[in-house]
Amino acid sequence: MNLEETKKITLSLIDTFNEAGRTALTLREAGLKKEIKEDNTPVTNGDIEVNKILTEKISKVTPNIVIISEENSKNKDKKNLNDFWLIDPIDGTNDYLNNREEFTLNAALILNKKPLIGIVTAPAKKRIFYSYGMSNSYELIDKKEIQLINIKKKSNEIRAVSYSNELKPEIKEIHKKYKVTSHQKMKSSLKFCVIAAGEFDFYAAEPRACEWDIAAGHAILEQAGGKVTDFNGNEILYGKKNFKNPSIILKNRNLV
């Protein structure tokens, strides 16, 4: 798939993501209906409706590519996945439920087990990010594309985002190694985007979550010149058993 094809696919999905984001907010304002899934995590009618909007559009744009979504069991038992979509309709469902702003909508196109297209929107923050090839990672602001790779670092400090305010000893050691000067809690895939945009520099986490939580952000950060690896510096590939993530380190381009 060449750059023109990936660009066309990505741009054809932006309006759908904006529509899905508006739907998520409208449903929240009306009062969400929550259930608890088998893995003891919450799901809402907002997750289900956003999933429907995104999967229907993506299946029309790329009808021959398999879709794997967190909120759908279809295709999750397929083996030897190489080319497929990964969708997380709402990442940060607890934030979504509790009227916070950091929840995101996510989709990534995986080709040969690597993320090629990434789209992430944080509708409550009115932010949308997308990428479709190296050096082609953007935030859309007032209908204008801002190329993330061109954004300059504003400070000499090394600012990290973290999964929790209280860091585990292993994460503290990694922060010390990279001379992190401060950290701020951020739970959703928005962390990838703010690192790509130069607002933060670093993130480290032990194995947790699933591939659909990170794939879209992975594409956006890497295509903005950043780096995504496990703790040992290994490349992170997709389509693993049970879609489980390894440990992860995110660095913006200034640390690569």
Protein backbone atom coordinates (compact mmCIF):
# COMPACT_ATOMS: atom_id res chain seq x y z
CA MET A 1 0.00 0.00 0.00
CA ASN A 2 1.59 3.30 -1.10
CA LEU A 3 1.46 6.72 0.56
CA GLU A 4 -1.33 8.04 -1.63
CA GLU A 5 -3.51 5.05 -0.76
CA THR A 6 -2.90 5.35 2.98
CA LYS A 7 -3.53 9.10 2.86
CA LYS A 8 -6.81 8.61 1.00
CA ILE A 9 -8.00 5.96 3.47
CA THR A 10 -7.06 8.07 6.49
CA LEU A 11 -8.65 11.31 5.30
CA SER A 12 -11.82 9.46 4.32
CA LEU A 13 -12.27 8.50 7.99
CA ILE A 14 -11.81 11.89 9.67
CA ASP A 15 -15.44 13.00 9.36
CA THR A 16 -16.59 9.62 10.69
CA PHE A 17 -14.34 9.98 13.74
CA ASN A 18 -15.71 13.45 14.38
CA GLU A 19 -19.27 12.13 14.07
CA ALA A 20 -18.50 9.24 16.44
CA GLY A 21 -16.93 11.66 18.93
CA ARG A 22 -20.03 13.86 18.90
CA THR A 23 -22.19 10.78 19.40
CA ALA A 24 -20.09 9.71 22.40
CA LEU A 25 -20.54 13.11 24.03
CA THR A 26 -24.27 13.27 23.27
CA LEU A 27 -24.86 9.85 24.81
CA ARG A 28 -22.86 10.85 27.88
CA GLU A 29 -24.92 14.00 28.33
CA ALA A 30 -28.10 11.91 28.13
CA GLY A 31 -26.83 9.46 30.77
CA LEU A 32 -24.77 6.36 30.00
CA LYS A 33 -25.84 2.76 30.52
CA LYS A 34 -22.99 0.71 32.01
CA GLU A 35 -22.32 -3.03 32.14
CA ILE A 36 -19.34 -4.99 33.49
CA LYS A 37 -17.59 -7.32 31.04
CA GLU A 38 -16.09 -10.73 31.80
CA ASP A 39 -12.67 -9.12 32.33
CA ASN A 40 -14.21 -6.91 35.05
CA THR A 41 -13.89 -3.71 32.98
CA PRO A 42 -16.82 -1.41 32.19
CA VAL A 43 -18.54 -1.01 28.84
CA THR A 44 -21.24 1.51 27.99
CA ASN A 45 -23.82 2.05 25.30
CA GLY A 46 -21.44 4.79 24.12
CA ASP A 47 -18.67 2.22 23.47
CA ILE A 48 -21.11 0.06 21.51
CA GLU A 49 -22.52 2.90 19.40
CA VAL A 50 -19.09 4.35 18.60
CA ASN A 51 -17.89 0.86 17.65
CA LYS A 52 -20.82 0.52 15.25
CA ILE A 53 -20.13 3.88 13.56
CA LEU A 54 -16.41 3.21 13.13
CA THR A 55 -16.62 -0.41 12.00
CA GLU A 56 -19.37 0.25 9.46
CA LYS A 57 -17.37 3.04 7.81
CA ILE A 58 -14.04 1.22 7.91
CA SER A 59 -15.57 -1.92 6.41
CA LYS A 60 -16.85 0.17 3.49
CA VAL A 61 -13.49 1.91 2.93
CA THR A 62 -11.42 -1.30 3.13
CA PRO A 63 -13.89 -4.20 2.63
CA ASN A 64 -11.19 -6.86 2.27
CA ILE A 65 -9.32 -6.11 5.50
CA VAL A 66 -10.29 -7.86 8.75
CA ILE A 67 -11.43 -5.67 11.66
CA ILE A 68 -10.55 -6.53 15.27
CA SER A 69 -12.38 -4.41 17.85
CA GLU A 70 -12.20 -4.50 21.63
CA GLU A 71 -16.00 -4.46 21.79
CA ASN A 72 -16.65 -7.28 19.33
CA SER A 73 -15.67 -10.95 19.52
CA LYS A 74 -15.66 -11.29 15.72
CA ASN A 75 -12.27 -12.24 14.21
CA LYS A 76 -10.46 -12.33 17.59
CA ASP A 77 -9.80 -16.07 17.25
CA LYS A 78 -8.14 -15.73 13.83
CA LYS A 79 -4.54 -16.96 13.70
CA ASN A 80 -1.53 -15.66 11.77
CA LEU A 81 -2.90 -12.13 11.50
CA ASN A 82 -0.69 -9.86 9.42
CA ASP A 83 -2.94 -7.21 7.86
CA PHE A 84 -5.94 -6.02 9.90
CA TRP A 85 -7.60 -3.08 11.62
CA LEU A 86 -7.44 -2.66 15.39
CA ILE A 87 -10.22 -0.55 16.91
CA ASP A 88 -10.71 0.66 20.46
CA PRO A 89 -14.01 2.58 20.29
CA ILE A 90 -13.42 4.30 23.62
CA ASP A 91 -10.10 4.05 25.44
CA GLY A 92 -10.45 5.33 28.98
CA THR A 93 -14.01 4.21 29.65
CA ASN A 94 -13.73 5.18 33.34
CA ASP A 95 -12.85 8.73 32.31
CA TYR A 96 -15.74 8.64 29.86
CA LEU A 97 -18.14 7.49 32.56
CA ASN A 98 -16.93 10.08 35.07
CA ASN A 99 -17.21 13.15 32.84
CA ARG A 100 -13.46 13.55 32.41
CA GLU A 101 -11.86 14.65 29.15
CA GLU A 102 -8.99 12.28 28.34
CA PHE A 103 -10.96 9.38 26.80
CA THR A 104 -10.19 8.67 23.13
CA LEU A 105 -11.54 6.92 20.03
CA ASN A 106 -8.95 4.84 18.18
CA ALA A 107 -8.32 2.92 14.97
CA ALA A 108 -5.11 1.58 13.47
CA LEU A 109 -4.41 -0.23 10.22
CA ILE A 110 -1.81 -2.93 10.78
CA LEU A 111 0.16 -4.14 7.76
CA ASN A 112 2.71 -6.91 8.15
CA LYS A 113 2.14 -6.72 11.94
CA LYS A 114 3.19 -3.03 12.08
CA PRO A 115 0.92 0.03 12.52
CA LEU A 116 0.73 2.01 9.29
CA ILE A 117 -2.34 4.23 9.81
CA GLY A 118 -3.37 5.68 13.16
CA ILE A 119 -6.36 7.88 14.06
CA VAL A 120 -7.03 9.10 17.59
CA THR A 121 -9.59 11.67 18.65
CA ALA A 122 -10.25 13.07 22.12
CA PRO A 123 -13.70 14.59 21.52
CA ALA A 124 -14.08 16.23 24.95
CA LYS A 125 -10.81 18.06 24.31
CA LYS A 126 -11.71 18.77 20.67
CA ARG A 127 -8.44 17.21 19.46
CA ILE A 128 -7.89 14.80 16.58
CA PHE A 129 -4.60 13.24 15.48
CA TYR A 130 -3.82 10.97 12.54
CA SER A 131 -0.93 9.51 10.57
CA TYR A 132 -0.49 7.50 7.41
CA GLY A 133 3.27 7.17 6.75
CA MET A 134 6.68 8.26 7.99
CA SER A 135 6.81 12.04 8.59
CA ASN A 136 3.08 12.17 7.87
CA SER A 137 1.70 12.53 11.38
CA TYR A 138 -0.68 15.42 12.08
CA GLU A 139 -3.02 17.18 14.44
CA LEU A 140 -5.99 18.86 12.79
CA ILE A 141 -6.56 22.28 14.39
CA ASP A 142 -9.28 24.60 13.05
CA LYS A 143 -9.34 22.49 9.85
CA LYS A 144 -5.60 23.07 9.36
CA GLU A 145 -3.07 20.21 9.36
CA ILE A 146 -0.23 20.72 11.83
CA GLN A 147 2.66 18.39 10.97
CA LEU A 148 3.82 16.99 14.30
CA ILE A 149 7.38 16.26 13.22
CA ASN A 150 7.99 20.01 12.76
CA ILE A 151 6.94 21.03 16.29
CA LYS A 152 9.93 22.21 18.34
CA LYS A 153 10.55 21.27 21.97
CA LYS A 154 9.66 24.13 24.30
CA SER A 155 11.73 23.15 27.35
CA ASN A 156 14.95 21.42 28.36
CA GLU A 157 13.07 19.45 31.01
CA ILE A 158 12.09 15.85 30.33
CA ARG A 159 8.40 15.54 31.16
CA ALA A 160 6.76 12.13 31.36
CA VAL A 161 3.18 10.94 31.38
CA SER A 162 2.45 8.06 33.73
CA TYR A 163 -0.30 5.53 34.31
CA SER A 164 -0.48 6.49 37.99
CA ASN A 165 0.63 9.34 40.22
CA GLU A 166 2.43 6.77 42.39
CA LEU A 167 5.22 5.20 40.32
CA LYS A 168 6.24 1.57 40.79
CA PRO A 169 9.95 1.07 41.70
CA GLU A 170 10.76 -0.34 38.25
CA ILE A 171 9.23 2.72 36.54
CA LYS A 172 11.05 5.07 38.95
CA GLU A 173 14.35 3.48 37.89
CA ILE A 174 13.51 3.92 34.21
CA HIS A 175 12.58 7.57 34.81
CA LYS A 176 15.93 8.07 36.56
CA LYS A 177 17.78 6.47 33.63
CA TYR A 178 16.17 8.88 31.18
CA LYS A 179 16.55 11.88 33.54
CA VAL A 180 12.81 12.52 33.73
CA THR A 181 12.22 15.74 35.68
CA SER A 182 8.45 15.47 36.24
CA HIS A 183 5.49 13.23 35.49
CA GLN A 184 1.73 13.65 35.06
CA LYS A 185 -0.97 11.01 35.20
CA MET A 186 -2.69 10.26 31.88
CA LYS A 187 -4.56 7.02 31.21
CA SER A 188 -5.79 6.92 27.60
CA SER A 189 -3.99 6.75 24.25
CA LEU A 190 -3.88 10.55 24.36
CA LYS A 191 -0.46 10.02 25.96
CA PHE A 192 0.97 8.92 22.59
CA CYS A 193 -0.41 12.02 20.92
CA VAL A 194 0.83 14.58 23.44
CA ILE A 195 4.28 13.01 23.25
CA ALA A 196 4.15 13.16 19.44
CA ALA A 197 3.09 16.82 19.70
CA GLY A 198 6.08 17.67 21.94
CA GLU A 199 3.94 18.50 24.98
CA PHE A 200 5.52 15.59 26.87
CA ASP A 201 8.63 13.51 26.21
CA PHE A 202 8.36 10.05 27.72
CA TYR A 203 6.20 7.21 29.01
CA ALA A 204 7.05 3.80 30.47
CA ALA A 205 4.72 1.04 31.66
CA GLU A 206 4.97 -2.62 32.58
CA PRO A 207 2.97 -5.15 30.49
CA ARG A 208 -0.70 -4.17 30.65
CA ALA A 209 -3.72 -3.48 28.43
CA CYS A 210 -4.16 -4.80 24.88
CA GLU A 211 -3.02 -4.07 21.36
CA TRP A 212 -6.09 -1.99 20.45
CA ASP A 213 -5.21 0.39 23.31
CA ILE A 214 -1.87 1.37 21.78
CA ALA A 215 -1.77 0.65 18.02
CA ALA A 216 -3.20 3.95 16.71
CA GLY A 217 -1.09 6.03 19.08
CA HIS A 218 1.96 3.94 18.15
CA ALA A 219 1.56 4.90 14.48
CA ILE A 220 1.07 8.59 15.30
CA LEU A 221 4.11 8.83 17.59
CA GLU A 222 6.48 6.80 15.43
CA GLN A 223 5.51 8.67 12.27
CA ALA A 224 6.16 11.94 14.11
CA GLY A 225 9.77 10.80 14.63
CA GLY A 226 9.31 9.19 18.04
CA LYS A 227 10.06 5.66 19.16
CA VAL A 228 7.95 2.84 20.63
CA THR A 229 9.71 -0.22 22.11
CA ASP A 230 9.52 -2.64 25.01
CA PHE A 231 11.86 -2.25 28.01
CA ASN A 232 14.60 -4.15 26.15
CA GLY A 233 14.45 -1.93 23.07
CA ASN A 234 12.58 -4.48 20.96
CA GLU A 235 10.09 -3.44 18.30
CA ILE A 236 6.43 -3.97 19.23
CA LEU A 237 4.50 -6.03 16.68
CA TYR A 238 0.76 -6.73 16.47
CA GLY A 239 -1.45 -9.78 16.11
CA LYS A 240 0.04 -11.54 19.16
CA LYS A 241 -1.79 -14.24 21.11
CA ASN A 242 -4.74 -12.74 23.02
CA PHE A 243 -3.62 -9.31 21.70
CA LYS A 244 -1.66 -8.70 24.93
CA ASN A 245 0.94 -5.93 25.15
CA PRO A 246 4.51 -6.31 26.39
CA SER A 247 6.20 -3.62 28.47
CA ILE A 248 6.35 -0.29 26.65
CA ILE A 249 8.52 2.81 26.41
CA LEU A 250 7.49 5.88 24.40
CA LYS A 251 10.01 8.55 23.49
CA ASN A 252 9.46 11.68 21.44
CA ARG A 253 11.87 12.56 18.64
CA ASN A 254 14.10 14.61 20.97
CA LEU A 255 15.01 11.49 22.96
CA VAL A 256 15.52 9.13 20.02
